[in-house]
Amino acid sequence: MKTFSSDYINAVTEGFQGNVNTLSHLQTLTGYTDNTVCELCGVSLSTYRRWKRNNNPNIASLRLLAVMAGYMPWDKWQGWEMHNGYMFPPGYSKNGIPPGEFFSFIFKNQYISSIEKRLKNQEKEITELKERINNLRKPDNQNLHHDKRWWQRRSCIRARSVL
């Protein structure tokens, strides 16, 4: 696993914080050519060269280069690293996550969440249906009492007619 020197960490941190003097250093740390940086930042080669010459780069581009150089500025991403356009979780040096696959995690989690919600609703429906079935199976006490009296009267009438 690649370990970073304090100079490296300071450079990418300063780049992410918008220190305009770090543009060339960040490019060196990423190993990107001028053309690759231009493509990544969405600017022309002349604009990129002007940024370097005047020390006036776009701050968002500086941050992007800092991230591409390996800086993870968010608390929950501590220990993650970026190498050659792949993200690596702490402790891993092989099988990094490419950007396209990384973004698919978001959609996968949304899909799983919607399925879990549907499953919870279906479980609720099943519980309600089971309760209804159990209620239908229970004898209705009022009707049972009524049926009992009916059978008693019927028995009395039969008994009288036999006598």
N, C-alpha and C. Protein backbone atom coordinates (compact mmCIF):
# COMPACT_ATOMS: atom_id res chain seq x y z
N MET A 1 0.84 -1.18 0.00
CA MET A 1 0.00 0.00 0.00
C MET A 1 0.89 1.24 0.00
N LYS A 2 0.54 2.20 -0.80
CA LYS A 2 1.31 3.43 -0.90
C LYS A 2 1.07 4.29 0.34
N THR A 3 2.13 4.78 0.96
CA THR A 3 1.99 5.70 2.08
C THR A 3 2.39 7.08 1.61
N PHE A 4 1.78 8.09 2.19
CA PHE A 4 2.01 9.46 1.76
C PHE A 4 2.86 10.21 2.76
N SER A 5 3.78 11.03 2.25
CA SER A 5 4.60 11.86 3.11
C SER A 5 3.77 13.04 3.60
N SER A 6 4.24 13.69 4.64
CA SER A 6 3.52 14.86 5.16
C SER A 6 3.51 15.98 4.12
N ASP A 7 4.59 16.11 3.31
CA ASP A 7 4.62 17.13 2.25
C ASP A 7 3.51 16.88 1.23
N TYR A 8 3.35 15.62 0.88
CA TYR A 8 2.31 15.24 -0.09
C TYR A 8 0.95 15.58 0.48
N ILE A 9 0.70 15.18 1.72
CA ILE A 9 -0.60 15.42 2.36
C ILE A 9 -0.86 16.92 2.46
N ASN A 10 0.16 17.69 2.84
CA ASN A 10 0.00 19.15 2.91
C ASN A 10 -0.31 19.75 1.55
N ALA A 11 0.35 19.27 0.50
CA ALA A 11 0.13 19.81 -0.84
C ALA A 11 -1.30 19.58 -1.30
N VAL A 12 -1.80 18.37 -1.14
CA VAL A 12 -3.16 18.10 -1.61
C VAL A 12 -4.20 18.79 -0.72
N THR A 13 -3.90 18.91 0.57
CA THR A 13 -4.81 19.62 1.48
C THR A 13 -4.88 21.09 1.10
N GLU A 14 -3.71 21.71 0.88
CA GLU A 14 -3.69 23.12 0.48
C GLU A 14 -4.37 23.32 -0.88
N GLY A 15 -4.16 22.38 -1.78
CA GLY A 15 -4.82 22.47 -3.08
C GLY A 15 -6.32 22.42 -2.94
N PHE A 16 -6.78 21.53 -2.09
CA PHE A 16 -8.23 21.43 -1.91
C PHE A 16 -8.78 22.69 -1.25
N GLN A 17 -8.00 23.28 -0.38
CA GLN A 17 -8.45 24.50 0.31
C GLN A 17 -8.36 25.73 -0.58
N GLY A 18 -7.82 25.58 -1.78
CA GLY A 18 -7.82 26.68 -2.75
C GLY A 18 -6.53 27.46 -2.82
N ASN A 19 -5.43 26.91 -2.33
CA ASN A 19 -4.14 27.59 -2.44
C ASN A 19 -3.71 27.56 -3.91
N VAL A 20 -3.74 28.73 -4.53
CA VAL A 20 -3.50 28.81 -5.98
C VAL A 20 -2.06 28.46 -6.36
N ASN A 21 -1.15 28.45 -5.40
CA ASN A 21 0.25 28.15 -5.69
C ASN A 21 0.49 26.65 -5.85
N THR A 22 -0.51 25.84 -5.68
CA THR A 22 -0.32 24.38 -5.71
C THR A 22 -0.67 23.75 -7.05
N LEU A 23 -1.12 24.52 -8.02
CA LEU A 23 -1.59 23.94 -9.28
C LEU A 23 -0.55 23.04 -9.95
N SER A 24 0.65 23.54 -10.16
CA SER A 24 1.69 22.74 -10.82
C SER A 24 2.07 21.54 -9.98
N HIS A 25 2.15 21.75 -8.67
CA HIS A 25 2.51 20.65 -7.77
C HIS A 25 1.45 19.55 -7.80
N LEU A 26 0.17 19.94 -7.80
CA LEU A 26 -0.91 18.95 -7.88
C LEU A 26 -0.85 18.17 -9.19
N GLN A 27 -0.54 18.88 -10.27
CA GLN A 27 -0.42 18.19 -11.56
C GLN A 27 0.70 17.16 -11.50
N THR A 28 1.80 17.51 -10.87
CA THR A 28 2.93 16.58 -10.73
C THR A 28 2.51 15.37 -9.89
N LEU A 29 1.79 15.63 -8.80
CA LEU A 29 1.37 14.54 -7.92
C LEU A 29 0.42 13.57 -8.62
N THR A 30 -0.42 14.10 -9.51
CA THR A 30 -1.35 13.22 -10.23
C THR A 30 -0.65 12.46 -11.34
N GLY A 31 0.44 13.04 -11.85
CA GLY A 31 1.14 12.42 -12.97
C GLY A 31 0.46 12.70 -14.30
N TYR A 32 -0.46 13.66 -14.32
CA TYR A 32 -1.20 13.98 -15.53
C TYR A 32 -0.43 14.97 -16.40
N THR A 33 -0.64 14.84 -17.70
CA THR A 33 -0.07 15.81 -18.65
C THR A 33 -0.96 17.04 -18.66
N ASP A 34 -0.46 18.12 -19.28
CA ASP A 34 -1.27 19.34 -19.40
C ASP A 34 -2.59 19.03 -20.10
N ASN A 35 -2.52 18.23 -21.18
CA ASN A 35 -3.74 17.90 -21.93
C ASN A 35 -4.74 17.12 -21.08
N THR A 36 -4.25 16.20 -20.26
CA THR A 36 -5.14 15.42 -19.41
C THR A 36 -5.82 16.31 -18.38
N VAL A 37 -5.05 17.23 -17.78
CA VAL A 37 -5.62 18.16 -16.80
C VAL A 37 -6.67 19.04 -17.47
N CYS A 38 -6.37 19.52 -18.68
CA CYS A 38 -7.34 20.35 -19.42
C CYS A 38 -8.65 19.60 -19.64
N GLU A 39 -8.52 18.35 -20.06
CA GLU A 39 -9.70 17.52 -20.30
C GLU A 39 -10.49 17.32 -19.01
N LEU A 40 -9.79 17.02 -17.94
CA LEU A 40 -10.41 16.78 -16.63
C LEU A 40 -11.14 18.02 -16.13
N CYS A 41 -10.52 19.19 -16.31
CA CYS A 41 -11.10 20.44 -15.81
C CYS A 41 -12.07 21.09 -16.80
N GLY A 42 -12.10 20.58 -18.02
CA GLY A 42 -13.02 21.13 -19.02
C GLY A 42 -12.61 22.48 -19.55
N VAL A 43 -11.30 22.70 -19.70
CA VAL A 43 -10.82 23.99 -20.22
C VAL A 43 -9.83 23.73 -21.37
N SER A 44 -9.57 24.79 -22.10
CA SER A 44 -8.61 24.68 -23.20
C SER A 44 -7.19 24.70 -22.64
N LEU A 45 -6.26 24.27 -23.48
CA LEU A 45 -4.86 24.25 -23.09
C LEU A 45 -4.36 25.67 -22.79
N SER A 46 -4.82 26.65 -23.59
CA SER A 46 -4.37 28.04 -23.36
C SER A 46 -4.90 28.56 -22.02
N THR A 47 -6.12 28.21 -21.67
CA THR A 47 -6.68 28.63 -20.37
C THR A 47 -5.89 28.01 -19.24
N TYR A 48 -5.57 26.73 -19.35
CA TYR A 48 -4.82 26.05 -18.30
C TYR A 48 -3.42 26.68 -18.15
N ARG A 49 -2.79 26.95 -19.26
CA ARG A 49 -1.45 27.58 -19.19
C ARG A 49 -1.53 28.98 -18.57
N ARG A 50 -2.59 29.71 -18.87
CA ARG A 50 -2.78 31.03 -18.27
C ARG A 50 -2.96 30.90 -16.76
N TRP A 51 -3.71 29.87 -16.32
CA TRP A 51 -3.88 29.62 -14.87
C TRP A 51 -2.52 29.42 -14.22
N LYS A 52 -1.67 28.61 -14.85
CA LYS A 52 -0.35 28.32 -14.28
C LYS A 52 0.54 29.57 -14.29
N ARG A 53 0.50 30.32 -15.37
CA ARG A 53 1.35 31.51 -15.52
C ARG A 53 0.95 32.60 -14.53
N ASN A 54 -0.36 32.84 -14.38
CA ASN A 54 -0.85 33.94 -13.54
C ASN A 54 -1.18 33.51 -12.11
N ASN A 55 -0.99 32.24 -11.81
CA ASN A 55 -1.36 31.72 -10.48
C ASN A 55 -2.81 32.08 -10.14
N ASN A 56 -3.69 31.88 -11.12
CA ASN A 56 -5.09 32.24 -10.93
C ASN A 56 -6.00 31.12 -11.45
N PRO A 57 -5.86 29.90 -10.93
CA PRO A 57 -6.69 28.80 -11.42
C PRO A 57 -8.10 28.85 -10.83
N ASN A 58 -8.96 28.14 -11.48
CA ASN A 58 -10.32 27.95 -10.97
C ASN A 58 -10.22 27.08 -9.71
N ILE A 59 -10.86 27.54 -8.63
CA ILE A 59 -10.76 26.84 -7.34
C ILE A 59 -11.36 25.43 -7.43
N ALA A 60 -12.46 25.28 -8.15
CA ALA A 60 -13.07 23.95 -8.30
C ALA A 60 -12.11 23.00 -9.01
N SER A 61 -11.37 23.51 -9.97
CA SER A 61 -10.39 22.68 -10.68
C SER A 61 -9.25 22.28 -9.75
N LEU A 62 -8.82 23.22 -8.89
CA LEU A 62 -7.79 22.89 -7.90
C LEU A 62 -8.28 21.75 -6.99
N ARG A 63 -9.51 21.87 -6.54
CA ARG A 63 -10.07 20.84 -5.66
C ARG A 63 -10.15 19.50 -6.38
N LEU A 64 -10.56 19.54 -7.62
CA LEU A 64 -10.65 18.30 -8.40
C LEU A 64 -9.27 17.66 -8.54
N LEU A 65 -8.26 18.45 -8.84
CA LEU A 65 -6.90 17.91 -8.95
C LEU A 65 -6.42 17.36 -7.61
N ALA A 66 -6.77 18.04 -6.52
CA ALA A 66 -6.37 17.55 -5.19
C ALA A 66 -6.99 16.19 -4.92
N VAL A 67 -8.25 16.03 -5.28
CA VAL A 67 -8.93 14.74 -5.09
C VAL A 67 -8.30 13.69 -6.00
N MET A 68 -8.02 14.06 -7.24
CA MET A 68 -7.39 13.11 -8.16
C MET A 68 -5.99 12.72 -7.70
N ALA A 69 -5.35 13.62 -6.93
CA ALA A 69 -4.01 13.33 -6.40
C ALA A 69 -4.09 12.44 -5.16
N GLY A 70 -5.31 12.21 -4.67
CA GLY A 70 -5.46 11.29 -3.55
C GLY A 70 -6.08 11.88 -2.31
N TYR A 71 -6.42 13.16 -2.31
CA TYR A 71 -6.97 13.80 -1.12
C TYR A 71 -8.46 13.51 -1.00
N MET A 72 -8.88 13.05 0.18
CA MET A 72 -10.29 12.82 0.46
C MET A 72 -10.71 13.80 1.55
N PRO A 73 -11.42 14.87 1.20
CA PRO A 73 -11.68 15.95 2.14
C PRO A 73 -12.85 15.72 3.10
N TRP A 74 -13.57 14.66 2.93
CA TRP A 74 -14.78 14.46 3.73
C TRP A 74 -14.50 13.52 4.88
N ASP A 75 -15.03 13.82 6.04
CA ASP A 75 -14.76 13.05 7.27
C ASP A 75 -14.96 11.56 7.09
N LYS A 76 -16.06 11.16 6.51
CA LYS A 76 -16.37 9.74 6.41
C LYS A 76 -15.51 9.01 5.37
N TRP A 77 -14.69 9.76 4.65
CA TRP A 77 -13.82 9.16 3.63
C TRP A 77 -12.37 9.08 4.11
N GLN A 78 -12.14 9.31 5.39
CA GLN A 78 -10.77 9.26 5.90
C GLN A 78 -10.17 7.89 5.63
N GLY A 79 -8.98 7.87 5.12
CA GLY A 79 -8.30 6.61 4.83
C GLY A 79 -8.49 6.14 3.40
N TRP A 80 -9.51 6.65 2.69
CA TRP A 80 -9.70 6.29 1.29
C TRP A 80 -8.62 7.00 0.48
N GLU A 81 -8.25 6.40 -0.64
CA GLU A 81 -7.25 7.00 -1.51
C GLU A 81 -7.70 6.93 -2.96
N MET A 82 -7.16 7.84 -3.75
CA MET A 82 -7.46 7.90 -5.16
C MET A 82 -6.17 7.71 -5.93
N HIS A 83 -6.13 6.69 -6.81
CA HIS A 83 -4.94 6.44 -7.63
C HIS A 83 -5.38 6.12 -9.05
N ASN A 84 -4.83 6.85 -10.00
CA ASN A 84 -5.10 6.61 -11.42
C ASN A 84 -6.60 6.56 -11.73
N GLY A 85 -7.36 7.41 -11.06
CA GLY A 85 -8.79 7.49 -11.33
C GLY A 85 -9.62 6.42 -10.62
N TYR A 86 -9.02 5.62 -9.75
CA TYR A 86 -9.74 4.59 -9.00
C TYR A 86 -9.71 4.92 -7.51
N MET A 87 -10.82 4.67 -6.83
CA MET A 87 -10.89 4.89 -5.38
C MET A 87 -10.61 3.58 -4.67
N PHE A 88 -9.84 3.68 -3.58
CA PHE A 88 -9.49 2.51 -2.79
C PHE A 88 -9.89 2.74 -1.33
N PRO A 89 -10.66 1.80 -0.76
CA PRO A 89 -10.99 1.93 0.66
C PRO A 89 -9.75 1.68 1.52
N PRO A 90 -9.79 2.07 2.78
CA PRO A 90 -8.64 1.88 3.65
C PRO A 90 -8.17 0.43 3.66
N GLY A 91 -6.86 0.25 3.51
CA GLY A 91 -6.28 -1.09 3.56
C GLY A 91 -6.25 -1.84 2.24
N TYR A 92 -6.81 -1.27 1.18
CA TYR A 92 -6.84 -1.96 -0.12
C TYR A 92 -5.88 -1.29 -1.10
N SER A 93 -5.23 -2.11 -1.90
CA SER A 93 -4.36 -1.56 -2.93
C SER A 93 -4.68 -2.14 -4.31
N LYS A 94 -5.60 -3.09 -4.36
CA LYS A 94 -6.02 -3.70 -5.62
C LYS A 94 -7.53 -3.57 -5.78
N ASN A 95 -7.97 -3.71 -7.02
CA ASN A 95 -9.41 -3.70 -7.33
C ASN A 95 -10.10 -2.42 -6.85
N GLY A 96 -9.56 -1.27 -7.25
CA GLY A 96 -10.18 0.00 -6.90
C GLY A 96 -11.54 0.15 -7.58
N ILE A 97 -12.27 1.14 -7.15
CA ILE A 97 -13.62 1.38 -7.67
C ILE A 97 -13.55 2.49 -8.71
N PRO A 98 -13.90 2.18 -9.97
CA PRO A 98 -13.91 3.25 -10.99
C PRO A 98 -15.10 4.19 -10.77
N PRO A 99 -15.01 5.43 -11.26
CA PRO A 99 -16.08 6.40 -11.02
C PRO A 99 -17.47 5.93 -11.43
N GLY A 100 -17.60 5.30 -12.59
CA GLY A 100 -18.92 4.84 -13.04
C GLY A 100 -19.53 3.83 -12.09
N GLU A 101 -18.71 2.92 -11.59
CA GLU A 101 -19.20 1.90 -10.67
C GLU A 101 -19.53 2.53 -9.32
N PHE A 102 -18.72 3.51 -8.92
CA PHE A 102 -18.96 4.17 -7.64
C PHE A 102 -20.34 4.82 -7.63
N PHE A 103 -20.69 5.52 -8.71
CA PHE A 103 -21.98 6.20 -8.75
C PHE A 103 -23.14 5.21 -8.83
N SER A 104 -22.87 4.01 -9.32
CA SER A 104 -23.95 3.02 -9.38
C SER A 104 -24.36 2.56 -7.98
N PHE A 105 -23.45 2.69 -6.98
CA PHE A 105 -23.79 2.32 -5.61
C PHE A 105 -24.98 3.13 -5.10
N ILE A 106 -25.00 4.40 -5.45
CA ILE A 106 -26.08 5.28 -5.01
C ILE A 106 -27.41 4.75 -5.52
N PHE A 107 -27.46 4.42 -6.82
CA PHE A 107 -28.71 3.94 -7.40
C PHE A 107 -29.08 2.57 -6.86
N LYS A 108 -28.08 1.73 -6.64
CA LYS A 108 -28.34 0.41 -6.08
C LYS A 108 -28.95 0.55 -4.69
N ASN A 109 -28.40 1.44 -3.87
CA ASN A 109 -28.94 1.65 -2.53
C ASN A 109 -30.35 2.21 -2.57
N GLN A 110 -30.63 3.11 -3.50
CA GLN A 110 -31.99 3.65 -3.65
C GLN A 110 -32.95 2.53 -4.04
N TYR A 111 -32.52 1.67 -4.95
CA TYR A 111 -33.36 0.56 -5.40
C TYR A 111 -33.63 -0.40 -4.24
N ILE A 112 -32.60 -0.73 -3.49
CA ILE A 112 -32.77 -1.63 -2.34
C ILE A 112 -33.72 -0.99 -1.33
N SER A 113 -33.58 0.29 -1.11
CA SER A 113 -34.45 0.99 -0.16
C SER A 113 -35.91 0.93 -0.61
N SER A 114 -36.16 1.11 -1.91
CA SER A 114 -37.55 1.06 -2.40
C SER A 114 -38.11 -0.36 -2.29
N ILE A 115 -37.28 -1.37 -2.52
CA ILE A 115 -37.73 -2.76 -2.37
C ILE A 115 -38.04 -3.06 -0.91
N GLU A 116 -37.19 -2.59 0.00
CA GLU A 116 -37.44 -2.81 1.43
C GLU A 116 -38.74 -2.15 1.86
N LYS A 117 -39.02 -0.97 1.33
CA LYS A 117 -40.26 -0.27 1.65
C LYS A 117 -41.47 -1.06 1.15
N ARG A 118 -41.38 -1.56 -0.10
CA ARG A 118 -42.47 -2.38 -0.64
C ARG A 118 -42.66 -3.65 0.17
N LEU A 119 -41.56 -4.27 0.59
CA LEU A 119 -41.63 -5.49 1.38
C LEU A 119 -42.30 -5.22 2.72
N LYS A 120 -41.96 -4.10 3.35
CA LYS A 120 -42.57 -3.74 4.63
C LYS A 120 -44.08 -3.54 4.47
N ASN A 121 -44.49 -2.88 3.37
CA ASN A 121 -45.92 -2.68 3.11
C ASN A 121 -46.62 -4.01 2.87
N GLN A 122 -45.97 -4.92 2.14
CA GLN A 122 -46.58 -6.22 1.89
C GLN A 122 -46.67 -7.04 3.17
N GLU A 123 -45.67 -6.95 4.03
CA GLU A 123 -45.74 -7.65 5.32
C GLU A 123 -46.89 -7.11 6.16
N LYS A 124 -47.10 -5.81 6.10
CA LYS A 124 -48.21 -5.19 6.84
C LYS A 124 -49.55 -5.70 6.29
N GLU A 125 -49.66 -5.76 4.96
CA GLU A 125 -50.88 -6.28 4.33
C GLU A 125 -51.13 -7.72 4.73
N ILE A 126 -50.08 -8.54 4.74
CA ILE A 126 -50.22 -9.95 5.11
C ILE A 126 -50.70 -10.07 6.55
N THR A 127 -50.15 -9.26 7.45
CA THR A 127 -50.58 -9.27 8.85
C THR A 127 -52.06 -8.91 8.96
N GLU A 128 -52.47 -7.88 8.23
CA GLU A 128 -53.89 -7.47 8.26
C GLU A 128 -54.79 -8.58 7.72
N LEU A 129 -54.37 -9.23 6.63
CA LEU A 129 -55.17 -10.32 6.07
C LEU A 129 -55.27 -11.51 7.04
N LYS A 130 -54.17 -11.82 7.72
CA LYS A 130 -54.19 -12.91 8.70
C LYS A 130 -55.16 -12.59 9.83
N GLU A 131 -55.17 -11.34 10.27
CA GLU A 131 -56.10 -10.92 11.32
C GLU A 131 -57.54 -11.06 10.84
N ARG A 132 -57.81 -10.66 9.61
CA ARG A 132 -59.17 -10.79 9.07
C ARG A 132 -59.59 -12.25 8.99
N ILE A 133 -58.67 -13.12 8.54
CA ILE A 133 -58.98 -14.55 8.45
C ILE A 133 -59.26 -15.10 9.84
N ASN A 134 -58.44 -14.75 10.82
CA ASN A 134 -58.66 -15.23 12.19
C ASN A 134 -59.98 -14.74 12.75
N ASN A 135 -60.34 -13.50 12.43
CA ASN A 135 -61.62 -12.97 12.89
C ASN A 135 -62.80 -13.70 12.24
N LEU A 136 -62.62 -14.11 10.98
CA LEU A 136 -63.68 -14.86 10.31
C LEU A 136 -63.82 -16.26 10.88
N ARG A 137 -62.72 -16.83 11.33
CA ARG A 137 -62.75 -18.18 11.90
C ARG A 137 -63.34 -18.22 13.30
N LYS A 138 -63.24 -17.13 14.04
CA LYS A 138 -63.79 -17.09 15.40
C LYS A 138 -65.31 -17.06 15.30
N PRO A 139 -65.97 -17.84 16.17
CA PRO A 139 -67.43 -17.77 16.16
C PRO A 139 -67.88 -16.42 16.71
N ASP A 140 -68.89 -15.91 16.08
CA ASP A 140 -69.44 -14.64 16.53
C ASP A 140 -70.28 -14.93 17.77
N ASN A 141 -69.90 -14.39 18.92
CA ASN A 141 -70.59 -14.69 20.18
C ASN A 141 -72.06 -14.32 20.14
N GLN A 142 -72.39 -13.23 19.52
CA GLN A 142 -73.78 -12.81 19.43
C GLN A 142 -74.57 -13.82 18.59
N ASN A 143 -74.03 -14.20 17.45
CA ASN A 143 -74.71 -15.16 16.61
C ASN A 143 -74.77 -16.53 17.27
N LEU A 144 -73.72 -16.90 17.98
CA LEU A 144 -73.71 -18.17 18.67
C LEU A 144 -74.80 -18.21 19.73
N HIS A 145 -74.90 -17.11 20.47
CA HIS A 145 -75.94 -17.03 21.50
C HIS A 145 -77.32 -17.10 20.85
N HIS A 146 -77.47 -16.40 19.73
CA HIS A 146 -78.75 -16.43 19.01
C HIS A 146 -79.05 -17.85 18.52
N ASP A 147 -78.03 -18.51 17.95
CA ASP A 147 -78.21 -19.88 17.45
C ASP A 147 -78.58 -20.83 18.59
N LYS A 148 -77.98 -20.65 19.74
CA LYS A 148 -78.27 -21.50 20.89
C LYS A 148 -79.74 -21.38 21.29
N ARG A 149 -80.20 -20.12 21.39
CA ARG A 149 -81.62 -19.92 21.75
C ARG A 149 -82.55 -20.50 20.69
N TRP A 150 -82.16 -20.36 19.43
CA TRP A 150 -83.00 -20.89 18.36
C TRP A 150 -83.11 -22.41 18.51
N TRP A 151 -81.97 -23.07 18.77
CA TRP A 151 -82.00 -24.53 18.93
C TRP A 151 -82.80 -24.92 20.17
N GLN A 152 -82.70 -24.13 21.24
CA GLN A 152 -83.48 -24.44 22.44
C GLN A 152 -84.97 -24.32 22.16
N ARG A 153 -85.38 -23.25 21.49
CA ARG A 153 -86.81 -23.08 21.17
C ARG A 153 -87.29 -24.18 20.24
N ARG A 154 -86.46 -24.50 19.28
CA ARG A 154 -86.83 -25.54 18.33
C ARG A 154 -87.01 -26.87 19.06
N SER A 155 -86.09 -27.15 20.00
CA SER A 155 -86.19 -28.39 20.77
C SER A 155 -87.45 -28.41 21.61
N CYS A 156 -87.81 -27.25 22.22
CA CYS A 156 -89.02 -27.18 23.04
C CYS A 156 -90.27 -27.41 22.17
N ILE A 157 -90.29 -26.80 21.00
CA ILE A 157 -91.45 -26.97 20.12
C ILE A 157 -91.57 -28.41 19.70
N ARG A 158 -90.47 -29.05 19.38
CA ARG A 158 -90.49 -30.46 19.00
C ARG A 158 -90.97 -31.33 20.15
N ALA A 159 -90.46 -30.98 21.33
CA ALA A 159 -90.84 -31.77 22.50
C ALA A 159 -92.33 -31.65 22.74
N ARG A 160 -92.92 -30.47 22.57
CA ARG A 160 -94.36 -30.28 22.79
C ARG A 160 -95.17 -31.04 21.72
N SER A 161 -94.66 -30.99 20.50
CA SER A 161 -95.44 -31.64 19.43
C SER A 161 -95.40 -33.15 19.58
N VAL A 162 -94.33 -33.66 20.17
CA VAL A 162 -94.26 -35.11 20.37
C VAL A 162 -95.18 -35.49 21.50
N LEU A 163 -95.32 -34.63 22.48
CA LEU A 163 -96.18 -34.95 23.61
C LEU A 163 -97.57 -34.84 23.15
